[in-house]
């Protein structure tokens, strides 16, 4: 869960949580936001539930892509550790 703030309307927001090592997605969320502030709640995938069931903490990378109307997509990557 996280908070997103944009200048003006955020537009299309895609958040992907991938393991640092290996393939697949742990969680994802794709929404269209018409306001400047929104809350993102990532939904775990089947592979993500399996990974989290076997490990206590999991190094991962969160990628958030924001496409505002009339602008180029902006992408931000953040390394983090997912705890269960």
PDB file of N, CA and C in Angstrom:
ATOM      1  N   UNK A   1       0.847  -1.164   0.000  1.00  0.00           N
ATOM      2  CA  UNK A   1       0.000   0.000   0.000  1.00  0.00           C
ATOM      3  C   UNK A   1       0.894   1.230   0.000  1.00  0.00           C
ATOM      4  N   UNK A   2       0.534   2.201  -0.798  1.00  0.00           N
ATOM      5  CA  UNK A   2       1.346   3.408  -0.881  1.00  0.00           C
ATOM      6  C   UNK A   2       0.533   4.584  -1.360  1.00  0.00           C
ATOM      7  N   UNK A   3       1.079   5.768  -1.208  1.00  0.00           N
ATOM      8  CA  UNK A   3       0.396   7.010  -1.582  1.00  0.00           C
ATOM      9  C   UNK A   3       1.131   7.623  -2.772  1.00  0.00           C
ATOM     10  N   UNK A   4       0.378   8.093  -3.751  1.00  0.00           N
ATOM     11  CA  UNK A   4       0.923   8.688  -4.958  1.00  0.00           C
ATOM     12  C   UNK A   4       0.377  10.101  -5.100  1.00  0.00           C
ATOM     13  N   UNK A   5       1.271  11.072  -5.345  1.00  0.00           N
ATOM     14  CA  UNK A   5       0.867  12.457  -5.527  1.00  0.00           C
ATOM     15  C   UNK A   5       1.446  12.975  -6.840  1.00  0.00           C
ATOM     16  N   UNK A   6       0.613  13.611  -7.661  1.00  0.00           N
ATOM     17  CA  UNK A   6       1.034  14.157  -8.950  1.00  0.00           C
ATOM     18  C   UNK A   6       0.658  15.635  -9.016  1.00  0.00           C
ATOM     19  N   UNK A   7       1.305  16.347  -9.949  1.00  0.00           N
ATOM     20  CA  UNK A   7       0.885  17.708 -10.246  1.00  0.00           C
ATOM     21  C   UNK A   7      -0.236  17.598 -11.265  1.00  0.00           C
ATOM     22  N   UNK A   8      -1.430  17.982 -10.918  1.00  0.00           N
ATOM     23  CA  UNK A   8      -2.583  17.798 -11.804  1.00  0.00           C
ATOM     24  C   UNK A   8      -3.089  16.372 -11.719  1.00  0.00           C
ATOM     25  N   UNK A   9      -3.848  15.946 -12.714  1.00  0.00           N
ATOM     26  CA  UNK A   9      -4.393  14.583 -12.733  1.00  0.00           C
ATOM     27  C   UNK A   9      -3.270  13.588 -13.019  1.00  0.00           C
ATOM     28  N   UNK A  10      -3.243  12.473 -12.291  1.00  0.00           N
ATOM     29  CA  UNK A  10      -2.188  11.473 -12.471  1.00  0.00           C
ATOM     30  C   UNK A  10      -2.333  10.717 -13.789  1.00  0.00           C
ATOM     31  N   UNK A  11      -3.547  10.438 -14.214  1.00  0.00           N
ATOM     32  CA  UNK A  11      -3.755   9.677 -15.442  1.00  0.00           C
ATOM     33  C   UNK A  11      -3.618   8.183 -15.200  1.00  0.00           C
ATOM     34  N   UNK A  12      -2.914   7.492 -16.079  1.00  0.00           N
ATOM     35  CA  UNK A  12      -2.763   6.039 -15.966  1.00  0.00           C
ATOM     36  C   UNK A  12      -1.549   5.726 -15.091  1.00  0.00           C
ATOM     37  N   UNK A  13      -1.760   4.883 -14.082  1.00  0.00           N
ATOM     38  CA  UNK A  13      -0.707   4.505 -13.145  1.00  0.00           C
ATOM     39  C   UNK A  13      -0.583   2.981 -13.154  1.00  0.00           C
ATOM     40  N   UNK A  14       0.648   2.492 -13.357  1.00  0.00           N
ATOM     41  CA  UNK A  14       0.924   1.055 -13.327  1.00  0.00           C
ATOM     42  C   UNK A  14       2.036   0.828 -12.318  1.00  0.00           C
ATOM     43  N   UNK A  15       1.793  -0.036 -11.325  1.00  0.00           N
ATOM     44  CA  UNK A  15       2.793  -0.378 -10.314  1.00  0.00           C
ATOM     45  C   UNK A  15       3.065  -1.875 -10.389  1.00  0.00           C
ATOM     46  N   UNK A  16       4.338  -2.241 -10.527  1.00  0.00           N
ATOM     47  CA  UNK A  16       4.753  -3.642 -10.615  1.00  0.00           C
ATOM     48  C   UNK A  16       5.801  -3.928  -9.550  1.00  0.00           C
ATOM     49  N   UNK A  17       5.642  -5.026  -8.833  1.00  0.00           N
ATOM     50  CA  UNK A  17       6.597  -5.455  -7.818  1.00  0.00           C
ATOM     51  C   UNK A  17       7.217  -6.760  -8.293  1.00  0.00           C
ATOM     52  N   UNK A  18       8.517  -6.718  -8.609  1.00  0.00           N
ATOM     53  CA  UNK A  18       9.223  -7.885  -9.141  1.00  0.00           C
ATOM     54  C   UNK A  18      10.295  -8.325  -8.154  1.00  0.00           C
ATOM     55  N   UNK A  19      10.589  -9.643  -8.106  1.00  0.00           N
ATOM     56  CA  UNK A  19      11.701 -10.088  -7.263  1.00  0.00           C
ATOM     57  C   UNK A  19      13.024  -9.576  -7.819  1.00  0.00           C
ATOM     58  N   UNK A  20      13.971  -9.282  -6.937  1.00  0.00           N
ATOM     59  CA  UNK A  20      15.266  -8.771  -7.377  1.00  0.00           C
ATOM     60  C   UNK A  20      16.014  -9.835  -8.184  1.00  0.00           C
ATOM     61  N   UNK A  21      15.899 -11.077  -7.766  1.00  0.00           N
ATOM     62  CA  UNK A  21      16.523 -12.194  -8.468  1.00  0.00           C
ATOM     63  C   UNK A  21      15.423 -13.144  -8.913  1.00  0.00           C
ATOM     64  N   UNK A  22      15.437 -13.557 -10.155  1.00  0.00           N
ATOM     65  CA  UNK A  22      14.423 -14.483 -10.645  1.00  0.00           C
ATOM     66  C   UNK A  22      13.413 -13.790 -11.540  1.00  0.00           C
ATOM     67  N   UNK A  23      12.408 -14.551 -11.920  1.00  0.00           N
ATOM     68  CA  UNK A  23      11.405 -14.053 -12.860  1.00  0.00           C
ATOM     69  C   UNK A  23      10.042 -13.957 -12.200  1.00  0.00           C
ATOM     70  N   UNK A  24       9.121 -13.306 -12.901  1.00  0.00           N
ATOM     71  CA  UNK A  24       7.738 -13.241 -12.442  1.00  0.00           C
ATOM     72  C   UNK A  24       7.418 -11.953 -11.717  1.00  0.00           C
ATOM     73  N   UNK A  25       6.176 -11.813 -11.366  1.00  0.00           N
ATOM     74  CA  UNK A  25       5.679 -10.656 -10.615  1.00  0.00           C
ATOM     75  C   UNK A  25       5.247 -11.108  -9.234  1.00  0.00           C
ATOM     76  N   UNK A  26       5.506 -10.287  -8.238  1.00  0.00           N
ATOM     77  CA  UNK A  26       5.019 -10.568  -6.892  1.00  0.00           C
ATOM     78  C   UNK A  26       3.631  -9.958  -6.726  1.00  0.00           C
ATOM     79  N   UNK A  27       3.482  -8.716  -7.202  1.00  0.00           N
ATOM     80  CA  UNK A  27       2.194  -8.022  -7.093  1.00  0.00           C
ATOM     81  C   UNK A  27       2.118  -6.949  -8.174  1.00  0.00           C
ATOM     82  N   UNK A  28       0.883  -6.503  -8.469  1.00  0.00           N
ATOM     83  CA  UNK A  28       0.698  -5.469  -9.496  1.00  0.00           C
ATOM     84  C   UNK A  28      -0.584  -4.682  -9.223  1.00  0.00           C
ATOM     85  N   UNK A  29      -0.643  -3.521  -9.849  1.00  0.00           N
ATOM     86  CA  UNK A  29      -1.837  -2.675  -9.787  1.00  0.00           C
ATOM     87  C   UNK A  29      -1.797  -1.746 -10.990  1.00  0.00           C
ATOM     88  N   UNK A  30      -2.897  -1.596 -11.679  1.00  0.00           N
ATOM     89  CA  UNK A  30      -3.028  -0.670 -12.803  1.00  0.00           C
ATOM     90  C   UNK A  30      -4.351   0.065 -12.641  1.00  0.00           C
ATOM     91  N   UNK A  31      -4.283   1.383 -12.525  1.00  0.00           N
ATOM     92  CA  UNK A  31      -5.488   2.191 -12.321  1.00  0.00           C
ATOM     93  C   UNK A  31      -5.403   3.457 -13.169  1.00  0.00           C
ATOM     94  N   UNK A  32      -6.555   4.055 -13.421  1.00  0.00           N
ATOM     95  CA  UNK A  32      -6.633   5.369 -14.036  1.00  0.00           C
ATOM     96  C   UNK A  32      -7.143   6.330 -12.975  1.00  0.00           C
ATOM     97  N   UNK A  33      -6.342   7.355 -12.682  1.00  0.00           N
ATOM     98  CA  UNK A  33      -6.638   8.282 -11.597  1.00  0.00           C
ATOM     99  C   UNK A  33      -6.948   9.647 -12.190  1.00  0.00           C
ATOM    100  N   UNK A  34      -8.076  10.233 -11.802  1.00  0.00           N
ATOM    101  CA  UNK A  34      -8.452  11.547 -12.309  1.00  0.00           C
ATOM    102  C   UNK A  34      -8.128  12.662 -11.318  1.00  0.00           C
ATOM    103  N   UNK A  35      -7.609  12.307 -10.148  1.00  0.00           N
ATOM    104  CA  UNK A  35      -7.256  13.323  -9.159  1.00  0.00           C
ATOM    105  C   UNK A  35      -5.734  13.398  -9.018  1.00  0.00           C
ATOM    106  N   UNK A  36      -5.251  14.341  -8.196  1.00  0.00           N
ATOM    107  CA  UNK A  36      -3.817  14.526  -8.009  1.00  0.00           C
ATOM    108  C   UNK A  36      -3.244  13.587  -6.954  1.00  0.00           C
ATOM    109  N   UNK A  37      -4.086  13.025  -6.100  1.00  0.00           N
ATOM    110  CA  UNK A  37      -3.618  12.120  -5.045  1.00  0.00           C
ATOM    111  C   UNK A  37      -4.389  10.813  -5.130  1.00  0.00           C
ATOM    112  N   UNK A  38      -3.683   9.715  -4.902  1.00  0.00           N
ATOM    113  CA  UNK A  38      -4.352   8.418  -4.904  1.00  0.00           C
ATOM    114  C   UNK A  38      -3.588   7.454  -4.012  1.00  0.00           C
ATOM    115  N   UNK A  39      -4.254   6.398  -3.607  1.00  0.00           N
ATOM    116  CA  UNK A  39      -3.652   5.344  -2.816  1.00  0.00           C
ATOM    117  C   UNK A  39      -3.567   4.090  -3.672  1.00  0.00           C
ATOM    118  N   UNK A  40      -2.385   3.503  -3.735  1.00  0.00           N
ATOM    119  CA  UNK A  40      -2.186   2.274  -4.500  1.00  0.00           C
ATOM    120  C   UNK A  40      -2.130   1.090  -3.549  1.00  0.00           C
ATOM    121  N   UNK A  41      -2.909   0.082  -3.843  1.00  0.00           N
ATOM    122  CA  UNK A  41      -2.891  -1.167  -3.086  1.00  0.00           C
ATOM    123  C   UNK A  41      -2.564  -2.270  -4.082  1.00  0.00           C
ATOM    124  N   UNK A  42      -1.373  -2.849  -3.947  1.00  0.00           N
ATOM    125  CA  UNK A  42      -0.932  -3.877  -4.876  1.00  0.00           C
ATOM    126  C   UNK A  42      -1.612  -5.197  -4.560  1.00  0.00           C
ATOM    127  N   UNK A  43      -2.029  -5.897  -5.604  1.00  0.00           N
ATOM    128  CA  UNK A  43      -2.671  -7.197  -5.447  1.00  0.00           C
ATOM    129  C   UNK A  43      -1.651  -8.284  -5.756  1.00  0.00           C
ATOM    130  N   UNK A  44      -1.419  -9.229  -4.834  1.00  0.00           N
ATOM    131  CA  UNK A  44      -0.421 -10.273  -5.087  1.00  0.00           C
ATOM    132  C   UNK A  44      -0.869 -11.236  -6.186  1.00  0.00           C
ATOM    133  N   UNK A  45       0.087 -11.684  -6.978  1.00  0.00           N
ATOM    134  CA  UNK A  45      -0.168 -12.677  -8.011  1.00  0.00           C
ATOM    135  C   UNK A  45      -0.017 -14.072  -7.411  1.00  0.00           C
ATOM    136  N   UNK A  46      -0.347 -15.084  -8.187  1.00  0.00           N
ATOM    137  CA  UNK A  46      -0.220 -16.462  -7.700  1.00  0.00           C
ATOM    138  C   UNK A  46       1.242 -16.777  -7.394  1.00  0.00           C
ATOM    139  N   UNK A  47       2.145 -16.363  -8.272  1.00  0.00           N
ATOM    140  CA  UNK A  47       3.581 -16.563  -8.055  1.00  0.00           C
ATOM    141  C   UNK A  47       4.044 -15.804  -6.814  1.00  0.00           C
ATOM    142  N   UNK A  48       3.526 -14.602  -6.600  1.00  0.00           N
ATOM    143  CA  UNK A  48       3.884 -13.813  -5.430  1.00  0.00           C
ATOM    144  C   UNK A  48       3.445 -14.458  -4.130  1.00  0.00           C
ATOM    145  N   UNK A  49       2.253 -15.021  -4.117  1.00  0.00           N
ATOM    146  CA  UNK A  49       1.780 -15.714  -2.914  1.00  0.00           C
ATOM    147  C   UNK A  49       2.661 -16.912  -2.606  1.00  0.00           C
ATOM    148  N   UNK A  50       3.092 -17.627  -3.652  1.00  0.00           N
ATOM    149  CA  UNK A  50       3.964 -18.788  -3.457  1.00  0.00           C
ATOM    150  C   UNK A  50       5.324 -18.356  -2.909  1.00  0.00           C
ATOM    151  N   UNK A  51       5.906 -17.295  -3.485  1.00  0.00           N
ATOM    152  CA  UNK A  51       7.206 -16.809  -3.019  1.00  0.00           C
ATOM    153  C   UNK A  51       7.144 -16.345  -1.565  1.00  0.00           C
ATOM    154  N   UNK A  52       6.102 -15.611  -1.226  1.00  0.00           N
ATOM    155  CA  UNK A  52       5.979 -15.096   0.143  1.00  0.00           C
ATOM    156  C   UNK A  52       5.674 -16.201   1.143  1.00  0.00           C
ATOM    157  N   UNK A  53       5.049 -17.293   0.698  1.00  0.00           N
ATOM    158  CA  UNK A  53       4.760 -18.402   1.599  1.00  0.00           C
ATOM    159  C   UNK A  53       6.035 -19.144   1.984  1.00  0.00           C
ATOM    160  N   UNK A  54       7.037 -19.134   1.098  1.00  0.00           N
ATOM    161  CA  UNK A  54       8.265 -19.890   1.345  1.00  0.00           C
ATOM    162  C   UNK A  54       9.382 -19.058   1.965  1.00  0.00           C
ATOM    163  N   UNK A  55       9.299 -17.729   1.872  1.00  0.00           N
ATOM    164  CA  UNK A  55      10.372 -16.884   2.392  1.00  0.00           C
ATOM    165  C   UNK A  55       9.815 -15.858   3.368  1.00  0.00           C
ATOM    166  N   UNK A  56      10.604 -15.553   4.380  1.00  0.00           N
ATOM    167  CA  UNK A  56      10.179 -14.565   5.369  1.00  0.00           C
ATOM    168  C   UNK A  56      10.340 -13.142   4.827  1.00  0.00           C
ATOM    169  N   UNK A  57      11.451 -12.880   4.150  1.00  0.00           N
ATOM    170  CA  UNK A  57      11.633 -11.588   3.500  1.00  0.00           C
ATOM    171  C   UNK A  57      12.136 -11.836   2.085  1.00  0.00           C
ATOM    172  N   UNK A  58      11.795 -10.937   1.196  1.00  0.00           N
ATOM    173  CA  UNK A  58      12.091 -11.126  -0.210  1.00  0.00           C
ATOM    174  C   UNK A  58      12.579  -9.802  -0.795  1.00  0.00           C
ATOM    175  N   UNK A  59      13.848  -9.746  -1.283  1.00  0.00           N
ATOM    176  CA  UNK A  59      14.291  -8.511  -1.926  1.00  0.00           C
ATOM    177  C   UNK A  59      13.551  -8.309  -3.238  1.00  0.00           C
ATOM    178  N   UNK A  60      13.092  -7.095  -3.469  1.00  0.00           N
ATOM    179  CA  UNK A  60      12.260  -6.836  -4.650  1.00  0.00           C
ATOM    180  C   UNK A  60      12.520  -5.425  -5.175  1.00  0.00           C
ATOM    181  N   UNK A  61      11.979  -5.164  -6.367  1.00  0.00           N
ATOM    182  CA  UNK A  61      12.053  -3.849  -6.987  1.00  0.00           C
ATOM    183  C   UNK A  61      10.649  -3.398  -7.344  1.00  0.00           C
ATOM    184  N   UNK A  62      10.279  -2.221  -6.872  1.00  0.00           N
ATOM    185  CA  UNK A  62       8.982  -1.635  -7.185  1.00  0.00           C
ATOM    186  C   UNK A  62       9.163  -0.647  -8.331  1.00  0.00           C
ATOM    187  N   UNK A  63       8.409  -0.838  -9.417  1.00  0.00           N
ATOM    188  CA  UNK A  63       8.442   0.057 -10.566  1.00  0.00           C
ATOM    189  C   UNK A  63       7.078   0.711 -10.705  1.00  0.00           C
ATOM    190  N   UNK A  64       7.050   2.043 -10.681  1.00  0.00           N
ATOM    191  CA  UNK A  64       5.805   2.792 -10.837  1.00  0.00           C
ATOM    192  C   UNK A  64       5.930   3.638 -12.103  1.00  0.00           C
ATOM    193  N   UNK A  65       4.978   3.474 -13.025  1.00  0.00           N
ATOM    194  CA  UNK A  65       4.937   4.245 -14.263  1.00  0.00           C
ATOM    195  C   UNK A  65       3.674   5.092 -14.260  1.00  0.00           C
ATOM    196  N   UNK A  66       3.845   6.404 -14.425  1.00  0.00           N
ATOM    197  CA  UNK A  66       2.722   7.343 -14.439  1.00  0.00           C
ATOM    198  C   UNK A  66       2.673   8.000 -15.813  1.00  0.00           C
ATOM    199  N   UNK A  67       1.512   7.911 -16.483  1.00  0.00           N
ATOM    200  CA  UNK A  67       1.316   8.551 -17.776  1.00  0.00           C
ATOM    201  C   UNK A  67       0.233   9.609 -17.625  1.00  0.00           C
ATOM    202  N   UNK A  68       0.664  10.866 -17.531  1.00  0.00           N
ATOM    203  CA  UNK A  68      -0.283  11.973 -17.421  1.00  0.00           C
ATOM    204  C   UNK A  68      -0.761  12.362 -18.817  1.00  0.00           C
ATOM    205  N   UNK A  69      -1.983  12.869 -18.921  1.00  0.00           N
ATOM    206  CA  UNK A  69      -2.487  13.290 -20.226  1.00  0.00           C
ATOM    207  C   UNK A  69      -1.602  14.367 -20.848  1.00  0.00           C
ATOM    208  N   UNK A  70      -1.150  14.127 -22.076  1.00  0.00           N
ATOM    209  CA  UNK A  70      -0.328  15.095 -22.787  1.00  0.00           C
ATOM    210  C   UNK A  70       1.145  15.066 -22.418  1.00  0.00           C
ATOM    211  N   UNK A  71       1.594  14.104 -21.593  1.00  0.00           N
ATOM    212  CA  UNK A  71       2.989  14.019 -21.172  1.00  0.00           C
ATOM    213  C   UNK A  71       3.561  12.644 -21.511  1.00  0.00           C
ATOM    214  N   UNK A  72       4.874  12.552 -21.490  1.00  0.00           N
ATOM    215  CA  UNK A  72       5.531  11.267 -21.680  1.00  0.00           C
ATOM    216  C   UNK A  72       5.435  10.459 -20.392  1.00  0.00           C
ATOM    217  N   UNK A  73       5.461   9.123 -20.474  1.00  0.00           N
ATOM    218  CA  UNK A  73       5.419   8.319 -19.255  1.00  0.00           C
ATOM    219  C   UNK A  73       6.641   8.571 -18.365  1.00  0.00           C
ATOM    220  N   UNK A  74       6.404   8.670 -17.065  1.00  0.00           N
ATOM    221  CA  UNK A  74       7.474   8.845 -16.083  1.00  0.00           C
ATOM    222  C   UNK A  74       7.592   7.542 -15.291  1.00  0.00           C
ATOM    223  N   UNK A  75       8.814   7.039 -15.178  1.00  0.00           N
ATOM    224  CA  UNK A  75       9.029   5.750 -14.505  1.00  0.00           C
ATOM    225  C   UNK A  75       9.996   5.940 -13.346  1.00  0.00           C
ATOM    226  N   UNK A  76       9.697   5.302 -12.220  1.00  0.00           N
ATOM    227  CA  UNK A  76      10.537   5.364 -11.026  1.00  0.00           C
ATOM    228  C   UNK A  76      10.705   3.954 -10.485  1.00  0.00           C
ATOM    229  N   UNK A  77      11.952   3.548 -10.185  1.00  0.00           N
ATOM    230  CA  UNK A  77      12.222   2.233  -9.613  1.00  0.00           C
ATOM    231  C   UNK A  77      12.818   2.408  -8.222  1.00  0.00           C
ATOM    232  N   UNK A  78      12.342   1.576  -7.284  1.00  0.00           N
ATOM    233  CA  UNK A  78      12.795   1.649  -5.905  1.00  0.00           C
ATOM    234  C   UNK A  78      13.089   0.237  -5.409  1.00  0.00           C
ATOM    235  N   UNK A  79      14.295  -0.043  -4.925  1.00  0.00           N
ATOM    236  CA  UNK A  79      14.575  -1.355  -4.320  1.00  0.00           C
ATOM    237  C   UNK A  79      13.998  -1.395  -2.901  1.00  0.00           C
ATOM    238  N   UNK A  80      13.450  -2.534  -2.520  1.00  0.00           N
ATOM    239  CA  UNK A  80      12.905  -2.694  -1.177  1.00  0.00           C
ATOM    240  C   UNK A  80      12.861  -4.169  -0.812  1.00  0.00           C
ATOM    241  N   UNK A  81      12.552  -4.447   0.431  1.00  0.00           N
ATOM    242  CA  UNK A  81      12.410  -5.819   0.911  1.00  0.00           C
ATOM    243  C   UNK A  81      10.947  -6.028   1.327  1.00  0.00           C
ATOM    244  N   UNK A  82      10.352  -7.083   0.818  1.00  0.00           N
ATOM    245  CA  UNK A  82       8.963  -7.411   1.135  1.00  0.00           C
ATOM    246  C   UNK A  82       8.955  -8.363   2.316  1.00  0.00           C
ATOM    247  N   UNK A  83       8.239  -8.003   3.362  1.00  0.00           N
ATOM    248  CA  UNK A  83       8.126  -8.845   4.556  1.00  0.00           C
ATOM    249  C   UNK A  83       6.733  -9.431   4.630  1.00  0.00           C
ATOM    250  N   UNK A  84       6.644 -10.642   5.127  1.00  0.00           N
ATOM    251  CA  UNK A  84       5.301 -11.212   5.290  1.00  0.00           C
ATOM    252  C   UNK A  84       4.847 -11.127   6.701  1.00  0.00           C
TER     253      UNK A  84
END
